[in-house]
């Protein structure tokens, strides 16, 4: 699986350049410093996906949780052949997260606002190609629009499985899936023993004594304490096609 987070940032930076601006990813953050074609400067949070939904963090809805001065979010959809971009005011996104997380916390007292928070397409579709919000040209400059991020560079396809075998065909373990750090992780849960094997995504092939241990290992793998998953809701069952 390709690095969705990195691919989204690369695609966004290339798009900014093609629209007369400049962009500089901020090391260690999800944010990019953007200088518009009109000379204005903003800090933009980039959130990427190759399949719905986008994943923010629950802590993104806590006022003053980060002091980065983020003014806008850009949601990058890498699924189409040409990436799609949705530019939305940060207050709209963070306010919505705050409201939904407040309901989530009230539903089970004692929870802490950690882990991922889904952002549905319906919440961002109104921002498609709103480049003027970032001081960028609505129409690309053809001198720059030379496909700086070809589809092959944006998506890294998994090697095809050998045709001679399909190990999952007769696998009676429960198929489960989880989203973390811009990745979709698939696994197989043995309901008799409780063991869980990650079958696709980061840490593929690793086996854990139970689902909670697998969730914690993934959180450690991404080295981000703010996204420690809630073991009760981290994994969900999936019907494999």
Protein backbone atom coordinates (compact mmCIF):
# COMPACT_ATOMS: atom_id res chain seq x y z
CA UNK A 1 0.00 0.00 0.00
CA UNK A 2 1.31 3.42 -0.92
CA UNK A 3 1.78 6.20 1.56
CA UNK A 4 -1.55 7.97 1.14
CA UNK A 5 -0.58 10.86 3.40
CA UNK A 6 2.60 11.59 1.45
CA UNK A 7 0.91 11.13 -1.92
CA UNK A 8 -1.83 13.59 -1.01
CA UNK A 9 0.68 16.21 0.09
CA UNK A 10 2.70 15.79 -3.11
CA UNK A 11 -0.43 16.11 -5.25
CA UNK A 12 -1.55 19.23 -3.36
CA UNK A 13 1.86 20.95 -3.64
CA UNK A 14 1.93 20.26 -7.39
CA UNK A 15 -1.57 21.70 -7.76
CA UNK A 16 -0.60 24.87 -5.88
CA UNK A 17 2.40 25.38 -8.20
CA UNK A 18 0.19 24.88 -11.25
CA UNK A 19 -2.12 27.63 -9.96
CA UNK A 20 0.56 30.25 -9.50
CA UNK A 21 1.38 29.73 -5.84
CA UNK A 22 4.11 28.24 -3.71
CA UNK A 23 3.81 25.51 -1.09
CA UNK A 24 6.10 24.19 1.62
CA UNK A 25 5.15 21.17 3.73
CA UNK A 26 5.80 21.78 7.44
CA UNK A 27 8.05 18.98 8.75
CA UNK A 28 6.39 16.57 11.14
CA UNK A 29 2.92 17.99 10.58
CA UNK A 30 -0.07 17.46 8.31
CA UNK A 31 0.11 21.11 7.29
CA UNK A 32 1.48 22.99 4.29
CA UNK A 33 2.43 26.65 4.22
CA UNK A 34 0.91 28.16 1.07
CA UNK A 35 1.75 31.46 -0.60
CA UNK A 36 -1.03 32.42 -2.99
CA UNK A 37 -0.69 33.92 -6.42
CA UNK A 38 -1.91 37.16 -4.82
CA UNK A 39 0.95 37.13 -2.28
CA UNK A 40 -1.17 36.08 0.70
CA UNK A 41 0.08 33.36 3.05
CA UNK A 42 -1.86 30.63 4.83
CA UNK A 43 -1.31 27.39 6.70
CA UNK A 44 -3.40 24.61 5.17
CA UNK A 45 -4.13 21.19 6.66
CA UNK A 46 -4.04 18.41 4.07
CA UNK A 47 -6.21 15.32 4.57
CA UNK A 48 -5.97 12.56 1.96
CA UNK A 49 -7.77 9.37 1.05
CA UNK A 50 -7.94 6.83 -1.73
CA UNK A 51 -11.38 5.63 -0.54
CA UNK A 52 -14.10 7.23 1.56
CA UNK A 53 -14.07 8.58 4.17
CA UNK A 54 -11.27 11.00 4.97
CA UNK A 55 -9.85 10.57 8.47
CA UNK A 56 -9.18 13.52 10.73
CA UNK A 57 -8.40 13.27 14.45
CA UNK A 58 -10.90 13.65 17.24
CA UNK A 59 -8.56 16.17 18.86
CA UNK A 60 -8.97 18.40 15.79
CA UNK A 61 -12.29 19.44 17.29
CA UNK A 62 -10.80 20.67 20.57
CA UNK A 63 -10.40 24.48 20.57
CA UNK A 64 -6.73 25.50 20.61
CA UNK A 65 -5.60 21.86 20.46
CA UNK A 66 -2.96 22.92 17.97
CA UNK A 67 -1.49 26.35 17.62
CA UNK A 68 -0.54 26.01 13.99
CA UNK A 69 -2.87 28.76 12.80
CA UNK A 70 -4.56 26.52 10.23
CA UNK A 71 -7.01 28.59 8.17
CA UNK A 72 -8.26 25.97 5.71
CA UNK A 73 -8.40 22.24 5.17
CA UNK A 74 -7.81 20.66 1.78
CA UNK A 75 -9.27 17.19 1.25
CA UNK A 76 -7.43 15.25 -1.47
CA UNK A 77 -9.19 12.36 -3.18
CA UNK A 78 -6.59 10.11 -4.83
CA UNK A 79 -9.10 7.59 -6.17
CA UNK A 80 -9.79 9.28 -9.55
CA UNK A 81 -7.17 9.15 -12.30
CA UNK A 82 -6.67 12.88 -11.71
CA UNK A 83 -6.76 13.74 -7.97
CA UNK A 84 -9.71 15.85 -6.80
CA UNK A 85 -9.38 18.66 -4.25
CA UNK A 86 -11.89 20.17 -1.81
CA UNK A 87 -10.95 23.41 -0.02
CA UNK A 88 -12.96 24.14 3.14
CA UNK A 89 -12.69 26.77 5.86
CA UNK A 90 -11.03 25.34 8.98
CA UNK A 91 -13.74 26.69 11.30
CA UNK A 92 -16.41 24.72 9.43
CA UNK A 93 -14.50 21.43 9.63
CA UNK A 94 -13.21 21.79 13.18
CA UNK A 95 -16.56 23.02 14.47
CA UNK A 96 -18.27 19.98 12.97
CA UNK A 97 -15.71 17.64 14.52
CA UNK A 98 -16.17 19.35 17.89
CA UNK A 99 -19.94 18.82 17.82
CA UNK A 100 -19.74 15.17 16.75
CA UNK A 101 -17.00 14.33 19.24
CA UNK A 102 -19.03 15.96 22.03
CA UNK A 103 -21.91 13.59 21.22
CA UNK A 104 -19.50 10.64 21.06
CA UNK A 105 -18.10 11.53 24.50
CA UNK A 106 -21.56 11.98 25.99
CA UNK A 107 -22.61 8.57 24.69
CA UNK A 108 -20.06 6.86 26.92
CA UNK A 109 -18.76 8.89 29.89
CA UNK A 110 -15.06 8.38 30.56
CA UNK A 111 -13.96 8.27 26.95
CA UNK A 112 -11.04 10.43 25.87
CA UNK A 113 -11.04 12.27 22.52
CA UNK A 114 -8.29 10.23 20.86
CA UNK A 115 -8.26 8.24 17.65
CA UNK A 116 -9.56 8.97 14.17
CA UNK A 117 -12.69 10.87 13.17
CA UNK A 118 -14.30 10.25 9.74
CA UNK A 119 -15.05 13.17 7.42
CA UNK A 120 -17.75 12.25 4.91
CA UNK A 121 -17.77 13.49 1.31
CA UNK A 122 -21.09 15.25 1.88
CA UNK A 123 -19.35 17.53 4.39
CA UNK A 124 -16.71 18.78 1.94
CA UNK A 125 -18.17 18.47 -1.56
CA UNK A 126 -19.17 22.15 -1.57
CA UNK A 127 -15.47 23.05 -1.46
CA UNK A 128 -14.43 21.37 -4.68
CA UNK A 129 -11.80 23.47 -6.48
CA UNK A 130 -12.39 26.53 -4.29
CA UNK A 131 -8.83 27.67 -5.00
CA UNK A 132 -9.70 31.33 -4.61
CA UNK A 133 -9.98 30.71 -0.84
CA UNK A 134 -6.22 30.15 -0.88
CA UNK A 135 -5.46 33.11 -3.12
CA UNK A 136 -4.69 30.79 -6.04
CA UNK A 137 -5.67 31.01 -9.69
CA UNK A 138 -8.96 29.27 -10.47
CA UNK A 139 -7.62 28.39 -13.93
CA UNK A 140 -4.29 26.62 -14.17
CA UNK A 141 -1.42 28.25 -16.05
CA UNK A 142 -0.83 25.94 -19.04
CA UNK A 143 2.90 26.60 -18.74
CA UNK A 144 2.84 24.83 -15.38
CA UNK A 145 0.15 22.29 -16.04
CA UNK A 146 2.36 19.52 -17.35
CA UNK A 147 0.92 16.75 -15.19
CA UNK A 148 3.46 17.22 -12.38
CA UNK A 149 1.99 14.33 -10.41
CA UNK A 150 1.20 11.52 -12.88
CA UNK A 151 -1.25 8.91 -11.74
CA UNK A 152 1.51 6.30 -11.52
CA UNK A 153 3.31 8.46 -8.96
CA UNK A 154 0.20 9.19 -6.96
CA UNK A 155 -0.92 5.62 -6.49
CA UNK A 156 1.37 2.73 -5.70
CA UNK A 157 -0.42 -0.45 -6.59
CA UNK A 158 0.04 -3.64 -4.61
CA UNK A 159 1.71 -6.44 -6.56
CA UNK A 160 -0.80 -8.90 -7.97
CA UNK A 161 -1.21 -12.02 -5.87
CA UNK A 162 0.06 -15.22 -7.45
CA UNK A 163 -2.63 -16.78 -9.59
CA UNK A 164 -1.90 -20.26 -8.26
CA UNK A 165 -3.26 -19.62 -4.80
CA UNK A 166 -5.71 -17.47 -2.88
CA UNK A 167 -5.05 -17.96 0.85
CA UNK A 168 -8.20 -16.06 1.85
CA UNK A 169 -10.63 -18.11 -0.21
CA UNK A 170 -11.19 -20.75 2.49
CA UNK A 171 -10.21 -18.61 5.47
CA UNK A 172 -12.95 -19.05 8.05
CA UNK A 173 -11.65 -16.24 10.30
CA UNK A 174 -13.71 -13.05 10.54
CA UNK A 175 -12.57 -10.35 8.09
CA UNK A 176 -12.06 -7.01 9.83
CA UNK A 177 -10.91 -3.58 8.72
CA UNK A 178 -9.67 -0.40 10.40
CA UNK A 179 -8.59 3.08 9.29
CA UNK A 180 -5.60 4.85 10.82
CA UNK A 181 -3.10 7.43 9.62
CA UNK A 182 -4.58 7.59 6.13
CA UNK A 183 -4.31 3.82 5.70
CA UNK A 184 -6.97 1.15 5.49
CA UNK A 185 -5.77 -1.93 7.35
CA UNK A 186 -7.35 -5.35 6.80
CA UNK A 187 -7.10 -8.28 9.16
CA UNK A 188 -8.46 -11.70 10.07
CA UNK A 189 -9.82 -12.34 13.55
CA UNK A 190 -9.95 -15.90 14.90
CA UNK A 191 -13.09 -15.73 17.02
CA UNK A 192 -12.20 -18.94 18.84
CA UNK A 193 -8.72 -17.97 20.03
CA UNK A 194 -9.07 -14.19 19.75
CA UNK A 195 -5.86 -13.83 17.72
CA UNK A 196 -5.76 -11.27 14.93
CA UNK A 197 -3.51 -11.28 11.85
CA UNK A 198 -2.98 -8.16 9.74
CA UNK A 199 -3.41 -9.28 6.14
CA UNK A 200 -3.10 -6.00 4.26
CA UNK A 201 -1.61 -2.60 5.08
CA UNK A 202 1.11 -1.50 7.52
CA UNK A 203 2.51 -4.41 9.60
CA UNK A 204 1.10 -6.91 7.10
CA UNK A 205 1.70 -10.49 8.19
CA UNK A 206 1.99 -9.70 11.91
CA UNK A 207 -0.11 -11.76 14.34
CA UNK A 208 -1.35 -10.51 17.70
CA UNK A 209 -2.92 -12.29 20.70
CA UNK A 210 -6.07 -10.16 20.46
CA UNK A 211 -7.65 -7.25 18.59
CA UNK A 212 -6.72 -4.71 21.27
CA UNK A 213 -3.03 -5.62 21.02
CA UNK A 214 -3.16 -5.26 17.24
CA UNK A 215 -4.82 -1.84 17.55
CA UNK A 216 -2.23 -0.63 20.05
CA UNK A 217 0.62 -1.91 17.85
CA UNK A 218 -0.69 0.07 14.90
CA UNK A 219 -0.97 3.21 17.03
CA UNK A 220 2.64 2.71 18.13
CA UNK A 221 3.71 2.08 14.53
CA UNK A 222 2.37 5.51 13.52
CA UNK A 223 4.12 7.09 16.55
CA UNK A 224 1.27 9.47 17.29
CA UNK A 225 -0.21 9.31 20.80
CA UNK A 226 -3.14 11.48 19.74
CA UNK A 227 -4.48 8.73 17.51
CA UNK A 228 -4.38 5.87 20.02
CA UNK A 229 -7.45 3.90 18.94
CA UNK A 230 -10.38 2.94 21.07
CA UNK A 231 -10.03 -0.84 21.07
CA UNK A 232 -13.81 -1.24 21.37
CA UNK A 233 -14.50 0.49 18.06
CA UNK A 234 -11.19 0.39 16.16
CA UNK A 235 -11.84 -2.82 14.22
CA UNK A 236 -15.06 -3.43 12.33
CA UNK A 237 -16.18 -6.47 10.38
CA UNK A 238 -15.89 -6.46 6.63
CA UNK A 239 -17.42 -8.64 3.97
CA UNK A 240 -14.60 -9.32 1.53
CA UNK A 241 -15.55 -9.12 -2.12
